[in-house]
Protein backbone atom coordinates (compact mmCIF):
# COMPACT_ATOMS: atom_id res chain seq x y z
CA MET A 1 -18.97 -12.76 -86.28
CA LYS A 2 -17.96 -14.56 -83.09
CA ILE A 3 -18.36 -12.65 -79.81
CA ILE A 4 -16.11 -13.00 -76.76
CA ARG A 5 -17.61 -12.37 -73.30
CA THR A 6 -15.73 -11.10 -70.29
CA SER A 7 -17.39 -10.84 -66.89
CA LEU A 8 -17.62 -7.52 -65.08
CA GLU A 9 -17.38 -7.24 -61.30
CA ASN A 10 -19.37 -4.02 -60.91
CA GLU A 11 -20.53 -0.80 -62.55
CA PHE A 12 -17.25 0.98 -61.84
CA GLU A 13 -15.26 -1.69 -63.69
CA SER A 14 -17.75 -1.43 -66.54
CA ASP A 15 -17.25 2.35 -66.76
CA VAL A 16 -13.46 2.07 -66.69
CA LEU A 17 -13.27 -0.65 -69.35
CA THR A 18 -15.76 1.04 -71.66
CA GLY A 19 -13.64 4.20 -71.46
CA ILE A 20 -10.50 2.24 -72.31
CA PHE A 21 -12.17 0.40 -75.19
CA LYS A 22 -13.56 3.65 -76.62
CA GLU A 23 -10.08 5.20 -76.55
CA GLU A 24 -8.62 2.16 -78.30
CA GLY A 25 -11.40 1.92 -80.90
CA ILE A 26 -12.58 -1.51 -79.74
CA PRO A 27 -16.28 -2.12 -80.37
CA PHE A 28 -18.13 -3.53 -77.36
CA THR A 29 -21.50 -4.04 -75.74
CA VAL A 30 -22.06 -3.98 -71.99
CA VAL A 31 -24.73 -6.40 -70.78
CA PRO A 32 -25.74 -5.85 -67.14
CA HIS A 33 -27.48 -8.81 -65.52
CA HIS A 34 -29.86 -6.65 -63.49
CA SER A 35 -33.57 -7.06 -64.15
CA GLU A 36 -36.19 -4.86 -62.51
CA ALA A 37 -38.76 -7.60 -62.98
CA TYR A 38 -36.71 -10.05 -60.91
CA ASP A 39 -35.35 -7.46 -58.44
CA GLY A 40 -31.68 -8.12 -59.21
CA LEU A 41 -31.94 -11.92 -58.85
CA PHE A 42 -29.75 -12.54 -61.90
CA GLN A 43 -26.96 -10.32 -60.54
CA LEU A 44 -26.85 -12.46 -57.41
CA THR A 45 -26.45 -15.67 -59.40
CA MET A 46 -24.64 -14.48 -62.56
CA GLY A 47 -22.61 -11.50 -61.33
CA TRP A 48 -22.94 -7.81 -62.19
CA GLY A 49 -22.75 -8.30 -65.95
CA HIS A 50 -20.42 -8.89 -68.87
CA ILE A 51 -18.90 -7.09 -71.82
CA GLU A 52 -19.06 -8.49 -75.35
CA ILE A 53 -16.19 -7.95 -77.79
CA PRO A 54 -15.79 -9.16 -81.39
CA GLU A 55 -13.30 -12.04 -81.59
CA GLU A 56 -10.95 -10.07 -83.83
CA TYR A 57 -10.27 -7.66 -80.92
CA GLN A 58 -9.87 -10.41 -78.31
CA LYS A 59 -6.10 -10.27 -77.82
CA LYS A 60 -5.96 -6.49 -77.59
CA ALA A 61 -8.97 -6.36 -75.25
CA GLU A 62 -7.57 -9.10 -73.00
CA GLN A 63 -4.26 -7.25 -72.73
CA LEU A 64 -6.02 -4.00 -71.83
CA ILE A 65 -8.14 -5.77 -69.20
CA GLN A 66 -5.06 -7.45 -67.76
CA ASP A 67 -3.20 -4.12 -67.63
CA TYR A 68 -6.17 -2.48 -65.92
CA LYS A 69 -6.41 -5.24 -63.29
CA LYS A 70 -2.65 -5.06 -62.63
CA SER A 71 -2.98 -1.33 -61.98
CA LEU A 72 -5.44 -1.91 -59.13
CA PRO A 73 -4.07 -1.87 -55.59
CA GLU A 74 -3.90 -5.26 -53.94
CA ASP A 75 -6.25 -5.98 -51.08
CA THR A 76 -4.64 -4.99 -47.81
CA GLU A 77 -6.71 -7.07 -45.44
CA SER A 78 -5.03 -7.92 -42.13
């Protein structure tokens, strides 16, 4: 089985997407890049983490992620 990886920005995004995937019946695994042994070094270089999804759910998962990101307010920096 081929696995698709999608990066996660932070723990909040991880929680939201895992909730959405559970509701939709999409199997997933969240892989945070934090390591106590290296005091978070991997998160600095690789980002917060990623979520793994079986390839057969790729299109549905990508659409759900896209819909979630569209629902976020745009940055309002002046």
